[in-house]
């Protein structure tokens, strides 16, 4: 159990970075569509 928690903590930054990148892409796409 402890190992899996450590694994999640280690992968969190990558997940957050991926989520932020996806969010930027979707917002950018909407912005371009409205222009």
C-alpha atoms as a PDB file:
ATOM      1  CA  UNK A   1       0.000   0.000   0.000  1.00  0.00           C
ATOM      2  CA  UNK A   2       2.784   2.401   0.952  1.00  0.00           C
ATOM      3  CA  UNK A   3       4.570   1.810  -2.358  1.00  0.00           C
ATOM      4  CA  UNK A   4       1.499   2.673  -4.417  1.00  0.00           C
ATOM      5  CA  UNK A   5       1.005   5.917  -2.490  1.00  0.00           C
ATOM      6  CA  UNK A   6       4.623   6.837  -3.183  1.00  0.00           C
ATOM      7  CA  UNK A   7       4.084   6.009  -6.854  1.00  0.00           C
ATOM      8  CA  UNK A   8       1.034   8.282  -7.039  1.00  0.00           C
ATOM      9  CA  UNK A   9       2.936  11.116  -5.363  1.00  0.00           C
ATOM     10  CA  UNK A  10       5.808  10.653  -7.824  1.00  0.00           C
ATOM     11  CA  UNK A  11       3.508  10.773 -10.854  1.00  0.00           C
ATOM     12  CA  UNK A  12       1.347  13.676  -9.658  1.00  0.00           C
ATOM     13  CA  UNK A  13       3.491  16.448 -11.226  1.00  0.00           C
ATOM     14  CA  UNK A  14       3.314  14.737 -14.631  1.00  0.00           C
ATOM     15  CA  UNK A  15      -0.462  14.309 -14.335  1.00  0.00           C
ATOM     16  CA  UNK A  16      -0.904  17.945 -13.332  1.00  0.00           C
ATOM     17  CA  UNK A  17       1.321  19.098 -16.191  1.00  0.00           C
ATOM     18  CA  UNK A  18      -0.677  16.997 -18.647  1.00  0.00           C
ATOM     19  CA  UNK A  19      -3.975  18.319 -17.292  1.00  0.00           C
ATOM     20  CA  UNK A  20      -2.754  21.913 -17.491  1.00  0.00           C
ATOM     21  CA  UNK A  21      -1.546  21.377 -21.054  1.00  0.00           C
ATOM     22  CA  UNK A  22      -4.902  19.884 -22.082  1.00  0.00           C
ATOM     23  CA  UNK A  23      -6.723  22.790 -20.431  1.00  0.00           C
ATOM     24  CA  UNK A  24      -4.539  25.306 -22.278  1.00  0.00           C
ATOM     25  CA  UNK A  25      -5.204  23.548 -25.583  1.00  0.00           C
ATOM     26  CA  UNK A  26      -8.984  23.492 -25.095  1.00  0.00           C
ATOM     27  CA  UNK A  27      -9.108  27.138 -23.977  1.00  0.00           C
ATOM     28  CA  UNK A  28      -6.820  28.153 -26.842  1.00  0.00           C
ATOM     29  CA  UNK A  29      -9.003  26.246 -29.295  1.00  0.00           C
ATOM     30  CA  UNK A  30     -12.149  27.965 -28.046  1.00  0.00           C
ATOM     31  CA  UNK A  31     -10.404  31.344 -28.204  1.00  0.00           C
ATOM     32  CA  UNK A  32      -9.319  30.731 -31.809  1.00  0.00           C
ATOM     33  CA  UNK A  33     -12.801  29.537 -32.752  1.00  0.00           C
ATOM     34  CA  UNK A  34     -14.383  32.748 -31.465  1.00  0.00           C
ATOM     35  CA  UNK A  35     -11.892  35.085 -33.149  1.00  0.00           C
END
